[in-house]
Amino acid sequence: MNFWVRQLFLFLCFCLLIGNPGQANGEKLIDDFDAFVKKFDSKNCQECHEEIYNEWTKSWHSRSMASSVKGIGNFFTVGVPDEWDRKLTKAEIMKCLDCHIPQIKFATERLALEIADLMIGAKKAKTPVEKEKYLSKLRKLNITCYSCHNIVATRPSLGVLGEPEEGVIYTSNDVETDDHPTEKIPTLKRAIFCGQCHGVYAAPDGEKIMCNTLSGSYVHAYIGQGGKKTCQDCHMKKANRGHTMPGGHDLNIVKEGIDFTANIKYFRYGVGKWDPAVSINVRLENKAGHRIPDG
């Protein structure tokens, strides 16, 4: 076989193996917004897992797009075109949305851009009525049950566990059901599972992005000094929080993570005339397993 023909053959084989990152586990790309929402909607799980579904609806995972309009909108309108001097494509869009809606990998290029336009439109909206036009669609997009229990379930050990199988629900418990195939894997109980988005993120094109440093401070300042609890221990198991998974937006968990004391003393000062004054000494102690604030 001619050398260059052989090289071309090997290259084509390589491309077939790599494929489109949106079709990594055999699922077809979706071009229609409503079909995209329906396929990955957590309501698909509601009938059998109503309690967990209700917990999830109270979580910030359930509003991962509508609550992030400003930050993601800035990235799409300023970060990509101005600071990075790049065209907004699905590959660039995934650098935000691969965490905010992991199912974006199964959207076509056209649909990914449509979703990005919704974020941009909501950010640029001049009136509440105009903004609501975009938010009403963005609320349908979020981190769903399938996002965590399939799409990113095996990602922390990619290369060992490989790509998830289409339709399989991955769980940390021994569960068997006739409704769908299940598989038990250890990653869902480990902090690395959360850290893949709540820390330095590695995009599908290999670029690394640091939206926050939470997992870094957890590993270095907590685990590195003998800490043993996982993200799940505090944000899910404690107080039976389950899939509400509260964080910095929840006052109760903030109170648990920060010890606040204030020593207040009243006194008078002055020469010839005594003016009332107050001295306040405040002490804050971080009792969480990571830096505060972070995300």
C-alpha atoms as a PDB file:
ATOM      1  CA  MET A   1       0.000   0.000   0.000  1.00  0.00           C
ATOM      2  CA  ASN A   2       1.325   3.435  -0.932  1.00  0.00           C
ATOM      3  CA  PHE A   3       2.734   5.288   2.101  1.00  0.00           C
ATOM      4  CA  TRP A   4       0.430   8.293   1.753  1.00  0.00           C
ATOM      5  CA  VAL A   5      -2.609   6.135   1.071  1.00  0.00           C
ATOM      6  CA  ARG A   6      -1.776   4.167   4.202  1.00  0.00           C
ATOM      7  CA  GLN A   7      -1.400   7.365   6.217  1.00  0.00           C
ATOM      8  CA  LEU A   8      -4.758   8.632   4.960  1.00  0.00           C
ATOM      9  CA  PHE A   9      -6.372   5.297   5.832  1.00  0.00           C
ATOM     10  CA  LEU A  10      -4.969   5.442   9.373  1.00  0.00           C
ATOM     11  CA  PHE A  11      -6.123   9.046   9.754  1.00  0.00           C
ATOM     12  CA  LEU A  12      -9.674   8.169   8.676  1.00  0.00           C
ATOM     13  CA  CYS A  13      -9.713   5.248  11.095  1.00  0.00           C
ATOM     14  CA  PHE A  14      -8.560   7.592  13.850  1.00  0.00           C
ATOM     15  CA  CYS A  15     -11.355  10.033  13.037  1.00  0.00           C
ATOM     16  CA  LEU A  16     -13.922   7.265  13.176  1.00  0.00           C
ATOM     17  CA  LEU A  17     -12.630   6.183  16.570  1.00  0.00           C
ATOM     18  CA  ILE A  18     -12.638   9.694  17.971  1.00  0.00           C
ATOM     19  CA  GLY A  19     -15.896  10.669  16.306  1.00  0.00           C
ATOM     20  CA  ASN A  20     -17.900  13.697  17.260  1.00  0.00           C
ATOM     21  CA  PRO A  21     -17.592  14.416  21.021  1.00  0.00           C
ATOM     22  CA  GLY A  22     -21.364  14.806  21.085  1.00  0.00           C
ATOM     23  CA  GLN A  23     -21.801  11.209  19.933  1.00  0.00           C
ATOM     24  CA  ALA A  24     -19.290   9.620  22.288  1.00  0.00           C
ATOM     25  CA  ASN A  25     -21.586   6.911  23.566  1.00  0.00           C
ATOM     26  CA  GLY A  26     -23.661   6.372  20.438  1.00  0.00           C
ATOM     27  CA  GLU A  27     -26.495   8.811  21.134  1.00  0.00           C
ATOM     28  CA  LYS A  28     -27.540  10.846  18.099  1.00  0.00           C
ATOM     29  CA  LEU A  29     -27.287  14.606  18.020  1.00  0.00           C
ATOM     30  CA  ILE A  30     -30.546  16.512  18.506  1.00  0.00           C
ATOM     31  CA  ASP A  31     -31.413  19.644  16.531  1.00  0.00           C
ATOM     32  CA  ASP A  32     -34.848  20.540  17.952  1.00  0.00           C
ATOM     33  CA  PHE A  33     -35.066  22.475  21.238  1.00  0.00           C
ATOM     34  CA  ASP A  34     -38.273  20.845  22.523  1.00  0.00           C
ATOM     35  CA  ALA A  35     -37.062  17.333  21.650  1.00  0.00           C
ATOM     36  CA  PHE A  36     -33.778  18.110  23.406  1.00  0.00           C
ATOM     37  CA  VAL A  37     -35.578  19.211  26.577  1.00  0.00           C
ATOM     38  CA  LYS A  38     -37.920  16.225  26.566  1.00  0.00           C
ATOM     39  CA  LYS A  39     -35.196  13.614  26.125  1.00  0.00           C
ATOM     40  CA  PHE A  40     -33.198  14.726  29.164  1.00  0.00           C
ATOM     41  CA  ASP A  41     -36.002  16.124  31.352  1.00  0.00           C
ATOM     42  CA  SER A  42     -35.882  15.072  35.006  1.00  0.00           C
ATOM     43  CA  LYS A  43     -39.650  14.639  34.833  1.00  0.00           C
ATOM     44  CA  ASN A  44     -38.859  11.359  33.107  1.00  0.00           C
ATOM     45  CA  CYS A  45     -37.731  10.115  36.542  1.00  0.00           C
ATOM     46  CA  GLN A  46     -40.397  11.808  38.646  1.00  0.00           C
ATOM     47  CA  GLU A  47     -42.971   9.011  38.681  1.00  0.00           C
ATOM     48  CA  CYS A  48     -40.687   6.463  40.344  1.00  0.00           C
ATOM     49  CA  HIS A  49     -38.416   8.863  42.253  1.00  0.00           C
ATOM     50  CA  GLU A  50     -40.829  11.562  43.349  1.00  0.00           C
ATOM     51  CA  GLU A  51     -39.095  12.425  46.643  1.00  0.00           C
ATOM     52  CA  ILE A  52     -35.704  12.820  44.988  1.00  0.00           C
ATOM     53  CA  TYR A  53     -37.272  14.767  42.130  1.00  0.00           C
ATOM     54  CA  ASN A  54     -38.917  17.191  44.582  1.00  0.00           C
ATOM     55  CA  GLU A  55     -35.563  17.679  46.341  1.00  0.00           C
ATOM     56  CA  TRP A  56     -33.880  18.344  43.028  1.00  0.00           C
ATOM     57  CA  THR A  57     -36.442  21.024  42.087  1.00  0.00           C
ATOM     58  CA  LYS A  58     -35.283  22.992  45.159  1.00  0.00           C
ATOM     59  CA  SER A  59     -31.627  22.728  44.188  1.00  0.00           C
ATOM     60  CA  TRP A  60     -29.568  25.188  42.192  1.00  0.00           C
ATOM     61  CA  HIS A  61     -28.804  22.344  39.802  1.00  0.00           C
ATOM     62  CA  SER A  62     -32.420  22.652  38.654  1.00  0.00           C
ATOM     63  CA  ARG A  63     -31.809  26.278  37.635  1.00  0.00           C
ATOM     64  CA  SER A  64     -28.260  25.973  36.381  1.00  0.00           C
ATOM     65  CA  MET A  65     -28.912  28.039  33.254  1.00  0.00           C
ATOM     66  CA  ALA A  66     -31.487  30.621  34.337  1.00  0.00           C
ATOM     67  CA  SER A  67     -29.390  31.519  37.397  1.00  0.00           C
ATOM     68  CA  SER A  68     -26.180  31.973  35.395  1.00  0.00           C
ATOM     69  CA  VAL A  69     -27.249  34.373  32.672  1.00  0.00           C
ATOM     70  CA  LYS A  70     -24.863  37.166  33.624  1.00  0.00           C
ATOM     71  CA  GLY A  71     -21.674  35.120  33.908  1.00  0.00           C
ATOM     72  CA  ILE A  72     -22.225  32.837  30.931  1.00  0.00           C
ATOM     73  CA  GLY A  73     -23.656  35.685  28.858  1.00  0.00           C
ATOM     74  CA  ASN A  74     -20.478  37.688  29.504  1.00  0.00           C
ATOM     75  CA  PHE A  75     -18.336  34.749  28.428  1.00  0.00           C
ATOM     76  CA  PHE A  76     -20.263  34.371  25.177  1.00  0.00           C
ATOM     77  CA  THR A  77     -20.338  38.107  24.335  1.00  0.00           C
ATOM     78  CA  VAL A  78     -17.011  39.318  25.721  1.00  0.00           C
ATOM     79  CA  GLY A  79     -14.772  36.412  26.703  1.00  0.00           C
ATOM     80  CA  VAL A  80     -14.881  34.372  23.505  1.00  0.00           C
ATOM     81  CA  PRO A  81     -15.018  37.099  20.792  1.00  0.00           C
ATOM     82  CA  ASP A  82     -13.006  39.882  22.477  1.00  0.00           C
ATOM     83  CA  GLU A  83     -10.619  38.378  25.026  1.00  0.00           C
ATOM     84  CA  TRP A  84      -9.952  35.089  23.223  1.00  0.00           C
ATOM     85  CA  ASP A  85     -10.524  36.448  19.705  1.00  0.00           C
ATOM     86  CA  ARG A  86     -12.481  33.368  18.680  1.00  0.00           C
ATOM     87  CA  LYS A  87     -15.748  32.626  16.951  1.00  0.00           C
ATOM     88  CA  LEU A  88     -18.581  31.360  19.131  1.00  0.00           C
ATOM     89  CA  THR A  89     -18.940  27.685  18.253  1.00  0.00           C
ATOM     90  CA  LYS A  90     -20.250  24.609  20.021  1.00  0.00           C
ATOM     91  CA  ALA A  91     -16.707  23.817  21.171  1.00  0.00           C
ATOM     92  CA  GLU A  92     -16.473  27.221  22.900  1.00  0.00           C
ATOM     93  CA  ILE A  93     -20.056  27.037  24.194  1.00  0.00           C
ATOM     94  CA  MET A  94     -19.306  23.712  25.871  1.00  0.00           C
ATOM     95  CA  LYS A  95     -16.668  25.396  28.032  1.00  0.00           C
ATOM     96  CA  CYS A  96     -19.579  26.705  30.091  1.00  0.00           C
ATOM     97  CA  LEU A  97     -22.466  24.469  29.217  1.00  0.00           C
ATOM     98  CA  ASP A  98     -20.687  21.119  29.523  1.00  0.00           C
ATOM     99  CA  CYS A  99     -21.137  21.660  33.259  1.00  0.00           C
ATOM    100  CA  HIS A 100     -24.277  23.815  33.324  1.00  0.00           C
ATOM    101  CA  ILE A 101     -26.157  21.403  31.031  1.00  0.00           C
ATOM    102  CA  PRO A 102     -23.930  18.355  30.329  1.00  0.00           C
ATOM    103  CA  GLN A 103     -26.439  17.121  27.745  1.00  0.00           C
ATOM    104  CA  ILE A 104     -25.232  19.927  25.461  1.00  0.00           C
ATOM    105  CA  LYS A 105     -22.801  17.394  23.970  1.00  0.00           C
ATOM    106  CA  PHE A 106     -25.830  15.811  22.278  1.00  0.00           C
ATOM    107  CA  ALA A 107     -26.983  19.089  20.675  1.00  0.00           C
ATOM    108  CA  THR A 108     -26.154  19.894  17.095  1.00  0.00           C
ATOM    109  CA  GLU A 109     -23.959  22.882  16.330  1.00  0.00           C
ATOM    110  CA  ARG A 110     -27.060  24.828  15.338  1.00  0.00           C
ATOM    111  CA  LEU A 111     -28.968  23.999  18.534  1.00  0.00           C
ATOM    112  CA  ALA A 112     -25.954  24.792  20.723  1.00  0.00           C
ATOM    113  CA  LEU A 113     -25.791  28.244  19.139  1.00  0.00           C
ATOM    114  CA  GLU A 114     -29.558  28.679  19.616  1.00  0.00           C
ATOM    115  CA  ILE A 115     -29.168  27.951  23.328  1.00  0.00           C
ATOM    116  CA  ALA A 116     -26.220  30.329  23.547  1.00  0.00           C
ATOM    117  CA  ASP A 117     -28.369  33.020  21.903  1.00  0.00           C
ATOM    118  CA  LEU A 118     -30.965  32.540  24.650  1.00  0.00           C
ATOM    119  CA  MET A 119     -28.313  33.289  27.300  1.00  0.00           C
ATOM    120  CA  ILE A 120     -27.071  36.299  25.335  1.00  0.00           C
ATOM    121  CA  GLY A 121     -30.621  37.569  24.805  1.00  0.00           C
ATOM    122  CA  ALA A 122     -31.452  37.260  28.507  1.00  0.00           C
ATOM    123  CA  LYS A 123     -28.260  39.097  29.432  1.00  0.00           C
ATOM    124  CA  LYS A 124     -28.893  41.959  27.005  1.00  0.00           C
ATOM    125  CA  ALA A 125     -32.640  42.296  27.676  1.00  0.00           C
ATOM    126  CA  LYS A 126     -33.639  45.841  28.585  1.00  0.00           C
ATOM    127  CA  THR A 127     -36.926  45.092  30.363  1.00  0.00           C
ATOM    128  CA  PRO A 128     -38.211  42.348  32.674  1.00  0.00           C
ATOM    129  CA  VAL A 129     -40.785  41.371  30.039  1.00  0.00           C
ATOM    130  CA  GLU A 130     -38.117  40.990  27.369  1.00  0.00           C
ATOM    131  CA  LYS A 131     -35.853  39.034  29.730  1.00  0.00           C
ATOM    132  CA  GLU A 132     -38.675  36.687  30.705  1.00  0.00           C
ATOM    133  CA  LYS A 133     -39.100  35.742  27.044  1.00  0.00           C
ATOM    134  CA  TYR A 134     -35.660  34.130  27.182  1.00  0.00           C
ATOM    135  CA  LEU A 135     -35.805  32.865  30.766  1.00  0.00           C
ATOM    136  CA  SER A 136     -39.025  30.946  30.103  1.00  0.00           C
ATOM    137  CA  LYS A 137     -37.044  28.699  27.740  1.00  0.00           C
ATOM    138  CA  LEU A 138     -33.827  28.666  29.766  1.00  0.00           C
ATOM    139  CA  ARG A 139     -35.678  27.311  32.822  1.00  0.00           C
ATOM    140  CA  LYS A 140     -36.319  24.154  30.812  1.00  0.00           C
ATOM    141  CA  LEU A 141     -32.562  23.568  30.621  1.00  0.00           C
ATOM    142  CA  ASN A 142     -30.703  22.409  33.705  1.00  0.00           C
ATOM    143  CA  ILE A 143     -28.527  19.740  35.271  1.00  0.00           C
ATOM    144  CA  THR A 144     -30.930  16.823  35.101  1.00  0.00           C
ATOM    145  CA  CYS A 145     -30.974  13.369  36.673  1.00  0.00           C
ATOM    146  CA  TYR A 146     -29.543  11.932  33.450  1.00  0.00           C
ATOM    147  CA  SER A 147     -26.755  14.524  33.499  1.00  0.00           C
ATOM    148  CA  CYS A 148     -25.225  13.167  36.691  1.00  0.00           C
ATOM    149  CA  HIS A 149     -26.412   9.571  36.594  1.00  0.00           C
ATOM    150  CA  ASN A 150     -25.259   8.951  33.044  1.00  0.00           C
ATOM    151  CA  ILE A 151     -23.494  11.662  31.044  1.00  0.00           C
ATOM    152  CA  VAL A 152     -20.806  12.617  33.588  1.00  0.00           C
ATOM    153  CA  ALA A 153     -21.043   9.579  35.860  1.00  0.00           C
ATOM    154  CA  THR A 154     -17.954   7.872  34.475  1.00  0.00           C
ATOM    155  CA  ARG A 155     -15.989  10.980  33.512  1.00  0.00           C
ATOM    156  CA  PRO A 156     -13.724  11.161  36.608  1.00  0.00           C
ATOM    157  CA  SER A 157     -12.252   7.795  35.658  1.00  0.00           C
ATOM    158  CA  LEU A 158     -12.420   8.207  31.910  1.00  0.00           C
ATOM    159  CA  GLY A 159     -10.102   5.652  30.418  1.00  0.00           C
ATOM    160  CA  VAL A 160     -10.921   3.126  33.129  1.00  0.00           C
ATOM    161  CA  LEU A 161     -14.696   3.236  33.184  1.00  0.00           C
ATOM    162  CA  GLY A 162     -14.927   4.735  29.701  1.00  0.00           C
ATOM    163  CA  GLU A 163     -17.917   6.454  28.154  1.00  0.00           C
ATOM    164  CA  PRO A 164     -21.332   5.809  29.758  1.00  0.00           C
ATOM    165  CA  GLU A 165     -23.688   3.458  27.968  1.00  0.00           C
ATOM    166  CA  GLU A 166     -26.800   5.041  26.520  1.00  0.00           C
ATOM    167  CA  GLY A 167     -29.853   4.585  28.742  1.00  0.00           C
ATOM    168  CA  VAL A 168     -27.922   3.095  31.679  1.00  0.00           C
ATOM    169  CA  ILE A 169     -28.525   4.773  35.026  1.00  0.00           C
ATOM    170  CA  TYR A 170     -25.367   4.782  37.131  1.00  0.00           C
ATOM    171  CA  THR A 171     -25.828   4.744  40.891  1.00  0.00           C
ATOM    172  CA  SER A 172     -23.776   4.458  44.057  1.00  0.00           C
ATOM    173  CA  ASN A 173     -26.250   1.949  45.506  1.00  0.00           C
ATOM    174  CA  ASP A 174     -27.193  -1.644  44.739  1.00  0.00           C
ATOM    175  CA  VAL A 175     -30.395  -1.070  42.781  1.00  0.00           C
ATOM    176  CA  GLU A 176     -32.155  -3.349  40.341  1.00  0.00           C
ATOM    177  CA  THR A 177     -35.245  -2.403  38.375  1.00  0.00           C
ATOM    178  CA  ASP A 178     -37.085  -3.507  35.262  1.00  0.00           C
ATOM    179  CA  ASP A 179     -37.659   0.122  34.248  1.00  0.00           C
ATOM    180  CA  HIS A 180     -34.109   0.770  33.044  1.00  0.00           C
ATOM    181  CA  PRO A 181     -30.652  -0.821  33.194  1.00  0.00           C
ATOM    182  CA  THR A 182     -28.592   0.222  36.207  1.00  0.00           C
ATOM    183  CA  GLU A 183     -24.955  -0.086  37.122  1.00  0.00           C
ATOM    184  CA  LYS A 184     -23.246   0.581  40.426  1.00  0.00           C
ATOM    185  CA  ILE A 185     -20.053   2.630  40.271  1.00  0.00           C
ATOM    186  CA  PRO A 186     -18.031   4.235  43.095  1.00  0.00           C
ATOM    187  CA  THR A 187     -17.515   7.693  41.587  1.00  0.00           C
ATOM    188  CA  LEU A 188     -20.890   9.102  42.629  1.00  0.00           C
ATOM    189  CA  LYS A 189     -19.870   8.892  46.298  1.00  0.00           C
ATOM    190  CA  ARG A 190     -16.534  10.597  45.842  1.00  0.00           C
ATOM    191  CA  ALA A 191     -15.593  14.269  45.920  1.00  0.00           C
ATOM    192  CA  ILE A 192     -13.857  13.967  42.553  1.00  0.00           C
ATOM    193  CA  PHE A 193     -17.297  13.533  40.990  1.00  0.00           C
ATOM    194  CA  CYS A 194     -18.312  17.034  42.134  1.00  0.00           C
ATOM    195  CA  GLY A 195     -14.849  18.449  41.546  1.00  0.00           C
ATOM    196  CA  GLN A 196     -14.993  17.862  37.798  1.00  0.00           C
ATOM    197  CA  CYS A 197     -17.237  20.933  37.538  1.00  0.00           C
ATOM    198  CA  HIS A 198     -16.646  22.655  40.885  1.00  0.00           C
ATOM    199  CA  GLY A 199     -12.975  23.214  40.181  1.00  0.00           C
ATOM    200  CA  VAL A 200     -10.558  23.260  37.265  1.00  0.00           C
ATOM    201  CA  TYR A 201     -12.537  22.068  34.269  1.00  0.00           C
ATOM    202  CA  ALA A 202     -10.993  20.234  31.320  1.00  0.00           C
ATOM    203  CA  ALA A 203     -12.955  21.011  28.147  1.00  0.00           C
ATOM    204  CA  PRO A 204     -13.465  18.376  25.427  1.00  0.00           C
ATOM    205  CA  ASP A 205     -10.892  20.153  23.238  1.00  0.00           C
ATOM    206  CA  GLY A 206      -8.285  19.812  25.983  1.00  0.00           C
ATOM    207  CA  GLU A 207      -8.319  23.415  27.196  1.00  0.00           C
ATOM    208  CA  LYS A 208      -8.451  23.831  30.973  1.00  0.00           C
ATOM    209  CA  ILE A 209     -10.616  26.511  32.543  1.00  0.00           C
ATOM    210  CA  MET A 210     -10.731  27.600  36.174  1.00  0.00           C
ATOM    211  CA  CYS A 211     -14.144  29.094  36.940  1.00  0.00           C
ATOM    212  CA  ASN A 212     -13.530  28.519  40.643  1.00  0.00           C
ATOM    213  CA  THR A 213     -10.975  26.943  42.952  1.00  0.00           C
ATOM    214  CA  LEU A 214     -13.262  25.067  45.308  1.00  0.00           C
ATOM    215  CA  SER A 215     -11.931  21.559  44.696  1.00  0.00           C
ATOM    216  CA  GLY A 216      -8.372  22.850  44.885  1.00  0.00           C
ATOM    217  CA  SER A 217      -8.812  24.326  48.348  1.00  0.00           C
ATOM    218  CA  TYR A 218     -10.691  21.185  49.399  1.00  0.00           C
ATOM    219  CA  VAL A 219      -7.803  18.936  48.357  1.00  0.00           C
ATOM    220  CA  HIS A 220      -4.938  21.132  49.540  1.00  0.00           C
ATOM    221  CA  ALA A 221      -6.262  22.809  52.685  1.00  0.00           C
ATOM    222  CA  TYR A 222      -8.688  20.151  53.912  1.00  0.00           C
ATOM    223  CA  ILE A 223      -7.745  16.685  52.658  1.00  0.00           C
ATOM    224  CA  GLY A 224      -4.077  17.699  52.771  1.00  0.00           C
ATOM    225  CA  GLN A 225      -4.400  18.383  56.495  1.00  0.00           C
ATOM    226  CA  GLY A 226      -6.203  15.185  57.373  1.00  0.00           C
ATOM    227  CA  GLY A 227      -9.813  15.929  56.481  1.00  0.00           C
ATOM    228  CA  LYS A 228     -11.858  12.909  55.466  1.00  0.00           C
ATOM    229  CA  LYS A 229     -15.338  14.118  54.562  1.00  0.00           C
ATOM    230  CA  THR A 230     -16.517  14.282  50.963  1.00  0.00           C
ATOM    231  CA  CYS A 231     -18.673  16.931  49.299  1.00  0.00           C
ATOM    232  CA  GLN A 232     -21.566  14.486  49.541  1.00  0.00           C
ATOM    233  CA  ASP A 233     -21.128  14.061  53.313  1.00  0.00           C
ATOM    234  CA  CYS A 234     -21.905  17.739  53.991  1.00  0.00           C
ATOM    235  CA  HIS A 235     -24.045  18.760  51.042  1.00  0.00           C
ATOM    236  CA  MET A 236     -26.214  15.644  50.779  1.00  0.00           C
ATOM    237  CA  LYS A 237     -25.994  13.224  53.695  1.00  0.00           C
ATOM    238  CA  LYS A 238     -25.879  15.720  56.572  1.00  0.00           C
ATOM    239  CA  ALA A 239     -29.324  16.780  57.788  1.00  0.00           C
ATOM    240  CA  ASN A 240     -30.807  14.493  55.109  1.00  0.00           C
ATOM    241  CA  ARG A 241     -30.298  17.192  52.508  1.00  0.00           C
ATOM    242  CA  GLY A 242     -30.389  14.693  49.688  1.00  0.00           C
ATOM    243  CA  HIS A 243     -30.641  16.089  46.202  1.00  0.00           C
ATOM    244  CA  THR A 244     -31.342  19.655  47.358  1.00  0.00           C
ATOM    245  CA  MET A 245     -27.527  19.858  47.620  1.00  0.00           C
ATOM    246  CA  PRO A 246     -27.486  23.355  49.197  1.00  0.00           C
ATOM    247  CA  GLY A 247     -24.423  25.560  48.963  1.00  0.00           C
ATOM    248  CA  GLY A 248     -23.571  29.222  49.343  1.00  0.00           C
ATOM    249  CA  HIS A 249     -27.128  30.322  48.534  1.00  0.00           C
ATOM    250  CA  ASP A 250     -28.464  28.534  51.628  1.00  0.00           C
ATOM    251  CA  LEU A 251     -28.173  30.431  54.927  1.00  0.00           C
ATOM    252  CA  ASN A 252     -28.276  27.317  57.120  1.00  0.00           C
ATOM    253  CA  ILE A 253     -25.321  25.612  55.471  1.00  0.00           C
ATOM    254  CA  VAL A 254     -23.413  28.907  55.438  1.00  0.00           C
ATOM    255  CA  LYS A 255     -23.927  29.153  59.203  1.00  0.00           C
ATOM    256  CA  GLU A 256     -22.528  25.649  59.580  1.00  0.00           C
ATOM    257  CA  GLY A 257     -19.463  26.526  57.551  1.00  0.00           C
ATOM    258  CA  ILE A 258     -18.613  29.869  59.167  1.00  0.00           C
ATOM    259  CA  ASP A 259     -18.232  30.453  62.901  1.00  0.00           C
ATOM    260  CA  PHE A 260     -19.059  34.089  63.664  1.00  0.00           C
ATOM    261  CA  THR A 261     -18.390  35.857  66.958  1.00  0.00           C
ATOM    262  CA  ALA A 262     -18.500  39.574  67.735  1.00  0.00           C
ATOM    263  CA  ASN A 263     -17.178  41.339  70.839  1.00  0.00           C
ATOM    264  CA  ILE A 264     -18.907  44.692  71.242  1.00  0.00           C
ATOM    265  CA  LYS A 265     -17.742  47.289  73.786  1.00  0.00           C
ATOM    266  CA  TYR A 266     -19.262  50.684  74.446  1.00  0.00           C
ATOM    267  CA  PHE A 267     -17.112  53.568  75.719  1.00  0.00           C
ATOM    268  CA  ARG A 268     -16.772  57.344  75.782  1.00  0.00           C
ATOM    269  CA  TYR A 269     -13.904  59.462  74.517  1.00  0.00           C
ATOM    270  CA  GLY A 270     -12.901  63.100  74.123  1.00  0.00           C
ATOM    271  CA  VAL A 271     -11.395  66.056  75.976  1.00  0.00           C
ATOM    272  CA  GLY A 272     -13.771  68.290  77.820  1.00  0.00           C
ATOM    273  CA  LYS A 273     -16.655  66.609  76.062  1.00  0.00           C
ATOM    274  CA  TRP A 274     -17.336  62.853  76.227  1.00  0.00           C
ATOM    275  CA  ASP A 275     -18.682  61.389  73.040  1.00  0.00           C
ATOM    276  CA  PRO A 276     -20.222  57.900  73.000  1.00  0.00           C
ATOM    277  CA  ALA A 277     -18.460  55.284  70.808  1.00  0.00           C
ATOM    278  CA  VAL A 278     -18.385  51.580  70.220  1.00  0.00           C
ATOM    279  CA  SER A 279     -15.584  49.092  69.530  1.00  0.00           C
ATOM    280  CA  ILE A 280     -16.460  45.940  67.608  1.00  0.00           C
ATOM    281  CA  ASN A 281     -14.075  43.012  67.204  1.00  0.00           C
ATOM    282  CA  VAL A 282     -15.314  40.360  64.780  1.00  0.00           C
ATOM    283  CA  ARG A 283     -13.874  36.864  64.452  1.00  0.00           C
ATOM    284  CA  LEU A 284     -14.683  34.608  61.514  1.00  0.00           C
ATOM    285  CA  GLU A 285     -13.587  30.981  61.396  1.00  0.00           C
ATOM    286  CA  ASN A 286     -13.937  28.843  58.280  1.00  0.00           C
ATOM    287  CA  LYS A 287     -15.195  25.417  59.394  1.00  0.00           C
ATOM    288  CA  ALA A 288     -16.002  24.195  55.901  1.00  0.00           C
ATOM    289  CA  GLY A 289     -13.812  21.829  53.957  1.00  0.00           C
ATOM    290  CA  HIS A 290     -12.918  24.438  51.347  1.00  0.00           C
ATOM    291  CA  ARG A 291     -12.396  28.118  50.724  1.00  0.00           C
ATOM    292  CA  ILE A 292     -15.329  30.478  51.327  1.00  0.00           C
ATOM    293  CA  PRO A 293     -16.629  32.078  49.205  1.00  0.00           C
ATOM    294  CA  ASP A 294     -16.194  29.846  46.185  1.00  0.00           C
ATOM    295  CA  GLY A 295     -18.415  27.877  43.846  1.00  0.00           C
END
